[in-house]
């Protein structure tokens, strides 16, 4: 069993249901308790950044770095692969 930190941060794509239209990104703060549970989520919608995917992702990454610094935890950015091992 891998030893886990208590918290970590990741960025996921956010979709509109039911047609799965990409609408932005979500920064998620995860808490470990036998598995990862989300503790907080903030959405960065393209519409809030004049439809710019790049600006929304840039702000999500900036805030994810800040959040990881506050909780002194790993920032997995858009690659959660290592988090689930």
Protein backbone atom coordinates (compact mmCIF):
# COMPACT_ATOMS: atom_id res chain seq x y z
CA UNK A 1 0.00 0.00 0.00
CA UNK A 2 1.33 3.39 -0.99
CA UNK A 3 1.52 6.03 1.73
CA UNK A 4 -0.64 9.01 0.75
CA UNK A 5 -0.64 12.64 1.74
CA UNK A 6 -3.75 13.88 3.50
CA UNK A 7 -4.63 16.28 0.64
CA UNK A 8 -3.85 16.82 -3.03
CA UNK A 9 -5.03 19.09 -5.86
CA UNK A 10 -5.96 18.31 -9.47
CA UNK A 11 -7.54 19.96 -12.52
CA UNK A 12 -10.28 18.22 -14.49
CA UNK A 13 -12.25 19.15 -17.59
CA UNK A 14 -15.81 20.18 -16.83
CA UNK A 15 -18.64 19.06 -19.13
CA UNK A 16 -22.29 20.00 -19.66
CA UNK A 17 -24.65 17.04 -19.54
CA UNK A 18 -26.31 15.29 -21.37
CA UNK A 19 -24.37 16.07 -24.56
CA UNK A 20 -20.91 16.18 -22.89
CA UNK A 21 -20.02 19.64 -24.18
CA UNK A 22 -16.76 20.90 -22.70
CA UNK A 23 -17.56 24.07 -20.70
CA UNK A 24 -14.39 24.69 -18.67
CA UNK A 25 -12.10 23.28 -16.00
CA UNK A 26 -12.55 22.39 -12.32
CA UNK A 27 -9.88 22.65 -9.64
CA UNK A 28 -10.49 19.91 -7.07
CA UNK A 29 -9.07 19.63 -3.58
CA UNK A 30 -8.97 15.94 -2.62
CA UNK A 31 -8.80 14.47 0.89
CA UNK A 32 -7.48 10.96 1.60
CA UNK A 33 -9.64 8.66 3.76
CA UNK A 34 -9.02 5.07 2.54
CA UNK A 35 -9.55 6.51 -0.95
CA UNK A 36 -9.60 10.02 -2.46
CA UNK A 37 -12.73 12.07 -1.68
CA UNK A 38 -13.24 15.54 -3.06
CA UNK A 39 -13.24 18.19 -0.35
CA UNK A 40 -13.79 21.27 -2.52
CA UNK A 41 -14.32 22.13 -6.18
CA UNK A 42 -14.14 25.42 -8.07
CA UNK A 43 -15.18 25.79 -11.71
CA UNK A 44 -13.39 27.93 -14.29
CA UNK A 45 -15.92 28.28 -17.11
CA UNK A 46 -14.87 29.43 -20.58
CA UNK A 47 -17.77 31.91 -20.57
CA UNK A 48 -16.21 33.73 -17.59
CA UNK A 49 -13.01 34.25 -19.62
CA UNK A 50 -14.59 35.53 -22.88
CA UNK A 51 -14.72 31.99 -24.26
CA UNK A 52 -10.96 31.50 -23.97
CA UNK A 53 -9.92 27.98 -23.02
CA UNK A 54 -6.32 29.08 -22.57
CA UNK A 55 -7.21 31.87 -20.09
CA UNK A 56 -9.50 29.57 -18.10
CA UNK A 57 -6.81 26.87 -17.87
CA UNK A 58 -4.13 29.44 -16.96
CA UNK A 59 -6.25 30.76 -14.07
CA UNK A 60 -7.13 27.21 -12.94
CA UNK A 61 -3.44 26.28 -12.89
CA UNK A 62 -2.52 29.44 -10.99
CA UNK A 63 -5.16 28.79 -8.34
CA UNK A 64 -4.27 25.07 -8.12
CA UNK A 65 -0.64 26.02 -7.36
CA UNK A 66 -1.79 28.45 -4.66
CA UNK A 67 -4.13 25.86 -3.13
CA UNK A 68 -1.39 23.20 -3.10
CA UNK A 69 0.87 25.71 -1.34
CA UNK A 70 -1.76 26.49 1.29
CA UNK A 71 -2.35 22.80 2.07
CA UNK A 72 1.32 21.86 1.54
CA UNK A 73 0.31 19.05 -0.81
CA UNK A 74 0.96 17.68 -4.30
CA UNK A 75 -0.50 19.45 -7.33
CA UNK A 76 -1.27 16.84 -10.00
CA UNK A 77 -2.36 19.53 -12.50
CA UNK A 78 -4.27 17.78 -15.33
CA UNK A 79 -2.57 14.39 -14.82
CA UNK A 80 -4.17 12.42 -11.97
CA UNK A 81 -2.51 9.12 -12.93
CA UNK A 82 -0.02 9.15 -10.05
CA UNK A 83 -2.70 10.13 -7.59
CA UNK A 84 -4.69 6.90 -8.00
CA UNK A 85 -1.75 4.52 -7.52
